[in-house]
Protein backbone atom coordinates (compact mmCIF):
# COMPACT_ATOMS: atom_id res chain seq x y z
CA MET A 1 51.18 141.55 112.04
CA ILE A 2 54.64 142.54 110.74
CA SER A 3 55.36 144.37 114.00
CA LEU A 4 54.13 141.41 116.04
CA PHE A 5 56.03 139.00 113.80
CA LEU A 6 59.29 140.82 114.49
CA GLY A 7 58.51 140.98 118.20
CA VAL A 8 57.74 137.26 118.51
CA LEU A 9 60.73 136.42 116.32
CA GLY A 10 62.84 138.41 118.74
CA VAL A 11 61.47 136.36 121.65
CA VAL A 12 62.16 133.12 119.78
CA ALA A 13 65.68 134.30 118.89
CA ALA A 14 66.36 135.38 122.47
CA GLN A 15 65.18 132.05 123.88
CA ALA A 16 67.13 130.04 121.31
CA GLY A 17 70.15 132.24 122.00
CA GLN A 18 69.82 131.53 125.71
CA VAL A 19 69.88 127.78 125.10
CA ILE A 20 72.91 128.06 122.79
CA ALA A 21 74.67 130.45 125.18
CA TYR A 22 74.03 128.06 128.09
CA ARG A 23 75.44 125.26 125.97
CA ALA A 24 78.55 127.37 125.29
CA LEU A 25 78.88 128.27 128.97
CA VAL A 26 78.82 124.68 130.19
CA ALA A 27 80.66 123.18 127.20
CA ASN A 28 84.08 123.53 128.82
CA SER A 29 82.77 122.01 132.05
CA GLU A 30 81.43 119.02 130.11
CA LEU A 31 84.76 118.54 128.34
CA THR A 32 86.92 118.72 131.45
CA ARG A 33 84.60 117.31 134.16
CA GLY A 34 81.65 115.54 132.53
CA VAL A 35 78.04 116.07 131.55
CA ASP A 36 75.49 117.01 134.19
CA GLY A 37 74.42 114.06 136.33
CA THR A 38 77.63 112.08 135.86
CA ARG A 39 78.92 110.49 139.08
CA SER A 40 82.62 111.25 139.55
CA VAL A 41 84.50 108.91 141.92
CA TYR A 42 88.06 109.81 142.90
CA LEU A 43 90.24 107.15 144.54
CA PRO A 44 93.35 108.44 146.32
CA PRO A 45 96.55 106.80 145.02
CA VAL A 46 97.17 104.08 147.61
CA ASP A 47 98.52 100.59 147.09
CA GLY A 48 95.92 98.50 145.28
CA SER A 49 93.50 101.27 144.26
CA SER A 50 94.17 100.87 140.52
CA GLU A 51 93.68 97.13 140.73
CA ILE A 52 90.35 97.68 142.49
CA VAL A 53 89.23 100.05 139.76
CA MET A 54 90.27 97.75 136.93
CA ASP A 55 88.61 94.68 138.46
CA THR A 56 85.35 96.50 139.29
CA ILE A 57 84.96 98.33 135.97
CA ARG A 58 85.84 95.35 133.75
CA GLY A 59 82.89 94.31 131.58
CA ARG A 60 80.61 97.21 132.58
CA ASP A 61 79.20 99.76 130.16
CA ASP A 62 77.82 102.21 132.75
CA ALA A 63 81.22 103.50 133.86
CA VAL A 64 84.72 104.22 132.58
CA ALA A 65 87.94 104.49 134.55
CA LEU A 66 90.59 107.12 133.90
CA LEU A 67 94.06 106.12 135.11
CA SER A 68 96.50 109.03 135.07
CA ALA A 69 100.24 108.96 134.57
CA SER A 70 103.05 111.09 133.19
CA ALA A 71 105.16 110.33 130.11
CA VAL A 72 107.92 111.85 128.02
CA ILE A 73 107.92 111.34 124.25
CA GLY A 74 111.16 112.03 122.37
CA GLU A 75 114.88 111.63 122.95
CA PRO A 76 115.72 109.39 125.91
CA ASN A 77 117.45 110.64 129.05
CA VAL A 78 116.96 114.34 128.35
CA ARG A 79 115.08 117.15 130.05
CA PRO A 80 111.78 117.81 128.15
CA VAL A 81 111.12 121.21 126.63
CA ASN A 82 107.97 121.58 128.79
CA GLU A 83 108.76 120.13 132.18
CA GLY A 84 105.71 119.16 134.16
CA ALA A 85 103.60 118.91 130.98
CA SER A 86 103.33 122.69 130.83
CA PRO A 87 101.61 124.20 127.77
CA ILE A 88 103.98 125.12 124.99
CA GLY A 89 104.36 128.88 125.04
CA GLY A 90 103.21 129.25 128.68
CA GLY A 91 99.70 129.60 130.06
CA GLY A 92 99.86 127.48 133.19
CA GLY A 93 100.56 123.85 133.97
CA TYR A 94 102.51 121.96 136.54
CA GLY A 95 105.70 123.79 135.57
CA SER A 96 107.85 121.14 137.28
CA SER A 97 108.48 117.42 137.00
CA MET A 98 108.74 116.94 140.76
CA VAL A 99 107.10 113.75 141.99
CA CYS A 100 106.27 113.11 145.63
CA ASP A 101 105.50 109.99 147.61
CA SER A 102 102.96 109.52 150.39
CA SER A 103 105.42 110.76 153.02
CA GLY A 104 105.91 114.06 151.21
CA ASP A 105 109.42 113.39 149.89
CA CYS A 106 109.82 114.90 146.42
CA VAL A 107 112.40 114.31 143.74
CA ASP A 108 113.04 115.69 140.25
CA PRO A 109 113.33 112.77 137.79
CA ASN A 110 115.02 115.08 135.26
CA GLU A 111 117.70 116.32 137.61
CA GLY A 112 121.11 116.35 135.95
CA LYS A 113 119.74 115.56 132.49
CA PRO A 114 120.62 117.78 129.51
CA SER A 115 117.93 119.62 127.56
CA GLY A 116 116.80 117.82 124.43
CA GLN A 117 114.06 117.19 121.90
CA ALA A 118 111.40 115.63 124.12
CA ILE A 119 107.87 116.59 125.18
CA GLU A 120 106.24 115.72 128.48
CA VAL A 121 102.54 114.87 128.43
CA ARG A 122 99.88 113.77 130.87
CA VAL A 123 98.64 110.28 129.98
CA THR A 124 95.05 109.23 130.58
CA ALA A 125 94.53 105.49 130.23
CA LEU A 126 90.88 104.58 129.56
CA THR A 127 88.99 101.35 130.19
CA GLY A 128 86.24 102.31 127.73
CA ASP A 129 84.84 105.09 125.56
CA LEU A 130 85.08 108.30 127.57
CA ARG A 131 82.89 110.33 125.20
CA ARG A 132 79.67 109.07 126.80
CA PHE A 133 80.54 111.13 129.89
CA ARG A 134 82.79 113.81 128.40
CA PRO A 135 81.80 114.78 124.83
CA LEU A 136 85.30 115.24 123.42
CA HIS A 137 85.29 116.74 119.91
CA VAL A 138 87.43 114.88 117.38
CA GLN A 139 89.30 117.54 115.39
CA SER A 140 91.15 115.24 113.03
CA GLY A 141 91.91 111.55 112.63
CA ARG A 142 89.87 109.18 114.76
CA TRP A 143 89.10 108.25 118.36
CA LEU A 144 90.30 105.18 120.22
CA ASP A 145 88.80 101.85 119.19
CA PHE A 146 88.21 99.61 122.20
CA ALA A 147 87.31 96.55 120.14
CA GLY A 148 89.88 93.90 119.41
CA ALA A 149 93.12 92.92 121.09
CA PRO A 150 95.42 95.57 122.55
CA SER A 151 98.36 96.68 120.44
CA LEU A 152 101.94 96.47 121.68
CA SER A 153 102.47 99.88 120.10
CA PRO A 154 100.29 102.21 122.22
CA ARG A 155 97.78 104.12 120.10
CA LEU A 156 97.45 107.69 121.31
CA VAL A 157 94.87 110.40 120.72
CA LEU A 158 96.30 113.85 121.41
CA ASN A 159 94.50 116.91 122.72
CA LYS A 160 94.96 120.21 120.92
CA ALA A 161 97.74 121.37 123.25
CA ALA A 162 99.73 118.17 122.66
CA ALA A 163 99.15 118.39 118.91
CA LYS A 164 100.52 121.96 118.97
CA ALA A 165 103.61 120.77 120.85
CA PHE A 166 104.35 117.95 118.41
CA THR A 167 103.81 120.30 115.49
CA MET A 168 106.39 122.75 116.85
CA PHE A 169 108.98 120.12 117.82
CA GLN A 170 109.99 117.12 115.76
CA VAL A 171 110.83 114.39 118.29
CA PRO A 172 111.66 110.68 118.02
CA ALA A 173 108.76 108.27 118.45
CA GLU A 174 109.84 106.85 121.78
CA MET A 175 107.66 107.07 124.90
CA ARG A 176 108.74 106.40 128.45
CA VAL A 177 106.12 106.39 131.18
CA GLN A 178 107.22 107.12 134.74
CA GLY A 179 107.44 103.80 136.54
CA GLY A 180 107.40 101.81 133.29
CA ILE A 181 109.50 98.72 132.70
CA ALA A 182 110.52 99.68 129.14
CA ASN A 183 110.09 102.37 126.53
CA SER A 184 107.49 101.95 123.79
CA THR A 185 106.90 103.27 120.30
CA PRO A 186 103.57 105.14 120.22
CA ARG A 187 101.31 105.80 117.25
CA PHE A 188 99.15 108.93 116.92
CA LEU A 189 95.56 108.29 115.84
CA GLY A 190 93.93 111.72 116.02
CA VAL A 191 93.41 115.01 117.80
CA VAL A 192 90.54 115.94 120.14
CA ASP A 193 89.42 119.11 121.87
CA ASP A 194 89.19 118.29 125.57
CA GLY A 195 89.21 121.84 126.95
CA ASN A 196 92.61 121.28 128.58
CA SER A 197 95.49 123.71 128.01
CA GLN A 198 98.11 121.12 129.02
CA PRO A 199 99.50 118.55 126.60
CA GLN A 200 97.55 115.37 127.23
CA VAL A 201 97.15 112.06 125.42
CA TYR A 202 94.51 109.32 125.69
CA VAL A 203 95.31 105.62 125.39
CA ARG A 204 93.64 102.28 126.00
CA SER A 205 94.51 101.11 129.51
CA ASP A 206 95.34 97.58 128.37
CA GLU A 207 97.82 98.95 125.83
CA LEU A 208 99.52 101.15 128.42
CA LEU A 209 99.68 98.30 130.93
CA ASN A 210 101.75 96.30 128.44
CA TRP A 211 104.60 98.61 129.39
CA LEU A 212 104.15 99.16 133.12
CA PRO A 213 102.67 97.25 136.06
CA VAL A 214 99.19 98.25 137.15
CA ASP A 215 100.33 99.03 140.69
CA VAL A 216 102.42 101.91 139.32
CA LEU A 217 99.17 103.81 138.76
CA SER A 218 98.44 103.43 142.47
CA ASP A 219 101.74 105.06 143.40
CA PRO A 220 101.32 108.75 144.38
CA GLN A 221 104.59 109.45 142.55
CA PHE A 222 103.18 108.39 139.23
CA GLY A 223 99.41 108.55 138.93
CA SER A 224 95.86 108.31 140.28
CA ALA A 225 92.48 106.81 139.37
CA LEU A 226 89.16 108.43 138.56
CA VAL A 227 85.86 106.72 137.69
CA LEU A 228 83.06 108.39 135.75
CA ALA A 229 79.77 106.55 136.18
CA ALA A 230 76.21 106.90 134.97
CA PRO A 231 73.71 108.56 137.36
CA ASP A 232 72.09 105.19 138.12
CA ALA A 233 75.35 103.32 138.80
CA THR A 234 74.77 103.37 142.56
CA GLU A 235 75.63 99.69 143.02
CA LEU A 236 79.00 100.17 141.33
CA ILE A 237 79.90 103.08 143.60
CA GLU A 238 78.97 101.10 146.70
CA ILE A 239 81.22 98.25 145.55
CA LEU A 240 84.11 100.68 145.05
CA LYS A 241 83.55 102.14 148.52
CA ARG A 242 83.61 98.72 150.19
CA LYS A 243 86.71 97.60 148.32
CA TYR A 244 88.56 100.85 148.95
CA ALA A 245 87.73 100.77 152.67
CA SER A 246 89.83 97.60 152.96
CA ILE A 247 92.99 99.32 151.66
CA ALA A 248 92.38 102.94 152.68
CA ASP A 249 95.33 104.96 153.94
CA PRO A 250 94.28 107.75 156.37
CA ARG A 251 97.17 109.90 155.16
CA MET A 252 95.78 109.95 151.61
CA GLY A 253 92.18 110.74 152.49
CA ASP A 254 88.89 109.04 151.70
CA LEU A 255 87.23 108.01 148.48
CA TYR A 256 85.36 111.04 147.13
CA VAL A 257 82.10 110.95 145.17
CA GLU A 258 80.64 113.97 143.36
CA THR A 259 77.62 114.43 141.12
CA ILE A 260 78.66 116.80 138.36
CA SER A 261 76.53 119.90 137.86
CA ALA A 262 77.63 122.87 135.75
CA GLU A 263 75.26 125.18 137.63
CA ASP A 264 77.01 124.39 140.90
CA LEU A 265 80.30 125.38 139.29
CA MET A 266 79.17 128.76 137.95
CA PRO A 267 75.70 129.63 139.31
CA GLY A 268 76.23 133.40 139.11
CA GLU A 269 77.16 133.42 135.41
CA ILE A 270 74.24 131.18 134.43
CA GLN A 271 71.72 133.19 136.46
CA MET A 272 72.96 136.48 135.00
CA MET A 273 72.71 135.07 131.48
CA ARG A 274 69.10 134.02 132.08
CA TRP A 275 68.13 137.44 133.43
CA VAL A 276 69.73 139.19 130.43
CA PHE A 277 67.88 137.06 127.90
CA LEU A 278 64.64 137.35 129.88
CA GLY A 279 64.94 141.14 129.81
CA VAL A 280 65.53 141.14 126.06
CA SER A 281 62.52 138.85 125.54
CA ILE A 282 60.23 141.11 127.60
CA LEU A 283 61.42 144.20 125.72
CA VAL A 284 60.74 142.79 122.25
CA LEU A 285 57.40 141.39 123.47
CA LEU A 286 56.31 144.84 124.63
CA ILE A 287 57.27 146.25 121.23
CA GLY A 288 55.13 143.63 119.51
CA SER A 289 52.25 144.26 121.94
CA ALA A 290 52.43 148.00 121.23
CA GLY A 291 52.16 147.31 117.52
CA ILE A 292 49.07 145.11 117.82
CA LEU A 293 47.55 147.62 120.30
CA ASN A 294 47.84 150.45 117.79
CA VAL A 295 46.32 148.34 115.05
CA GLY A 296 43.52 147.19 117.38
CA LEU A 297 42.60 150.73 118.40
CA ALA A 298 42.56 151.87 114.77
CA THR A 299 40.39 148.92 113.79
CA VAL A 300 37.86 149.59 116.55
CA GLY A 301 37.73 153.25 115.48
CA GLU A 302 36.84 152.24 111.93
CA ARG A 303 34.20 149.73 113.08
CA ILE A 304 32.31 151.90 115.59
CA GLU A 305 29.07 151.76 113.61
CA GLU A 306 29.31 147.97 113.24
CA PHE A 307 29.78 147.47 116.98
CA ALA A 308 26.99 149.91 117.78
CA LEU A 309 24.63 148.00 115.47
CA ARG A 310 25.58 144.72 117.18
CA ARG A 311 24.77 146.28 120.53
CA ALA A 312 21.43 147.54 119.17
CA VAL A 313 20.36 144.04 118.13
CA GLY A 314 21.16 142.62 121.57
CA THR A 315 24.82 141.57 121.53
CA PRO A 316 26.09 141.67 125.15
CA ARG A 317 29.06 143.90 125.93
CA LEU A 318 31.10 140.95 127.19
CA LEU A 319 30.53 138.99 123.97
CA LEU A 320 31.47 142.01 121.88
CA ALA A 321 34.69 142.41 123.85
CA GLY A 322 35.37 138.68 123.43
CA ILE A 323 34.99 138.94 119.64
CA VAL A 324 37.60 141.70 119.46
CA LEU A 325 39.95 139.89 121.85
CA ALA A 326 39.58 136.62 119.93
CA GLU A 327 40.64 138.40 116.74
CA THR A 328 43.84 139.69 118.35
CA LEU A 329 44.55 136.31 119.95
CA LEU A 330 44.14 134.55 116.60
CA THR A 331 46.38 137.13 114.97
CA GLY A 332 48.99 136.65 117.68
CA LEU A 333 48.88 132.86 117.42
CA LEU A 334 49.21 132.75 113.64
CA THR A 335 51.99 135.32 113.71
CA ALA A 336 53.80 133.33 116.41
CA LEU A 337 53.65 130.17 114.31
CA ALA A 338 55.10 132.08 111.35
CA ALA A 339 57.88 133.50 113.53
CA ILE A 340 58.71 130.04 114.93
CA GLY A 341 58.93 128.67 111.40
CA ALA A 342 61.27 131.49 110.44
CA GLY A 343 63.39 130.77 113.53
CA ILE A 344 63.66 127.06 112.70
CA ALA A 345 64.70 127.86 109.13
CA GLY A 346 67.20 130.51 110.26
CA LEU A 347 68.86 128.19 112.78
CA ALA A 348 69.12 125.42 110.20
CA VAL A 349 70.79 127.79 107.73
CA ALA A 350 73.20 129.06 110.41
CA SER A 351 74.09 125.50 111.42
CA ARG A 352 74.76 124.53 107.82
CA MET A 353 76.83 127.63 107.02
CA PHE A 354 78.80 128.12 110.25
CA GLY A 355 78.75 124.68 111.90
CA ASP A 356 82.23 123.79 110.64
CA ARG A 357 83.80 126.91 112.17
CA HIS A 358 81.71 127.02 115.34
CA PRO A 359 81.18 123.55 116.93
CA LEU A 360 78.34 124.87 119.11
CA LEU A 361 76.26 125.43 115.96
CA ALA A 362 77.08 122.07 114.42
CA ASN A 363 73.98 119.88 114.19
CA VAL A 364 72.20 122.07 116.74
CA ALA A 365 68.49 121.31 117.01
CA PHE A 366 65.89 124.02 117.39
CA PRO A 367 65.20 124.16 121.16
CA TRP A 368 61.63 123.30 122.07
CA GLU A 369 61.80 125.97 124.77
CA ALA A 370 62.04 128.60 122.04
CA GLY A 371 58.92 127.23 120.32
CA VAL A 372 56.93 127.28 123.57
CA ALA A 373 58.20 130.79 124.31
CA GLY A 374 57.15 131.92 120.82
CA VAL A 375 53.59 130.59 121.17
CA ALA A 376 53.30 132.07 124.66
CA ALA A 377 54.67 135.40 123.42
CA GLY A 378 52.13 135.51 120.60
CA LEU A 379 49.22 134.81 122.93
CA VAL A 380 50.45 137.27 125.56
CA ALA A 381 50.95 139.94 122.92
CA GLY A 382 47.43 139.24 121.64
CA VAL A 383 46.00 139.66 125.14
CA LEU A 384 48.02 142.78 125.96
CA GLY A 385 47.34 144.35 122.61
CA GLY A 386 43.66 143.36 122.54
CA LEU A 387 42.41 144.23 126.03
CA VAL A 388 42.19 147.98 125.47
CA PRO A 389 40.51 147.71 122.02
CA ALA A 390 38.12 145.08 123.41
CA ALA A 391 37.16 147.31 126.35
CA ARG A 392 36.71 150.27 124.01
CA ALA A 393 34.47 148.24 121.68
CA ALA A 394 32.35 147.10 124.64
CA ARG A 395 31.80 150.70 125.80
CA ILE A 396 30.50 151.99 122.45
CA PRO A 397 26.99 153.39 123.12
CA ILE A 398 24.01 152.10 121.12
CA ALA A 399 23.15 155.66 120.12
CA THR A 400 26.17 155.71 117.86
CA VAL A 401 24.24 153.67 115.32
CA MET A 402 21.80 156.58 114.90
CA ARG A 403 24.62 158.86 113.77
CA ALA A 404 25.58 156.31 111.16
């Protein structure tokens, strides 16, 4: 039973590990793109697209709009330390503040400006709580509150890259958004992990629109619009399609709809992970089966006279084999239940001890797949380990009882 317990516990651990590993593999996709099943609607930046989005989304709880723009926080009329909202210290990014219009003409808004204490960030203006579709992890402070009237001082939530930038550089609290009518004084509410290496801030759309006209976000020089909708928000998407068709610009392309699926993004990695964990599960199951097989053979060897006597009084061979197999199945089932209990307790302890340092373990529930796999492993091990002893017990000749 100890051997089988360790084998089934290994199967349970492997299955639970697969679920946690899958969660880790798709976590970045969920942060940057959205959870599986989310409908992502991209509207090219043409005149009127932002107004369409704002009017259609207003009052709905099955979708949220993300209006993108660029901003510089710090000293006015200077070149930011990270042009193009590049990560502080390198690692990718736009690398340039060039903005281009629909005809392809590009200009550098920072041309001729001296270097100064200012940081460029990507601004994402939200019409509602984004975390329903992208589970952003609040690292410190708090998330945006969409209740109540908008503030004239835009409240910003920074991602980790932006928080790093503002920790390294002390800059004045003055924000200018490209295309805005005036500069504003922002307030920082908190820091979130959004899986993005570029400095980015999140703000309520109505607070941002106090400082710039909504049509600026439809200008290809300044921003674009994205809608994340629930899987059943088909009517909303059809409305957006009809409205966009009336203002579509062939040069900017068509409205694009995508259903987010992490497996479509990285099918090879996910499939390889499943095969690895399946191989580990089969290996530990065979070890547990070998243990119960050895015990079963030894038990049948010690009970030869008993089985021979049963045969002598008329017990059929098939029934005798069933008795032995039922014993191993019962042993496997009880051992599996004990192993599952140990797995549940172990995962709870790991979540409590390491959840603060490893977000994937925070409040993680024991996956039901691991419990099913544990019960199945116990029964399979009981069958594999009990077939040979059962067959041997059924073949014991009646004459053996005379030697006893």
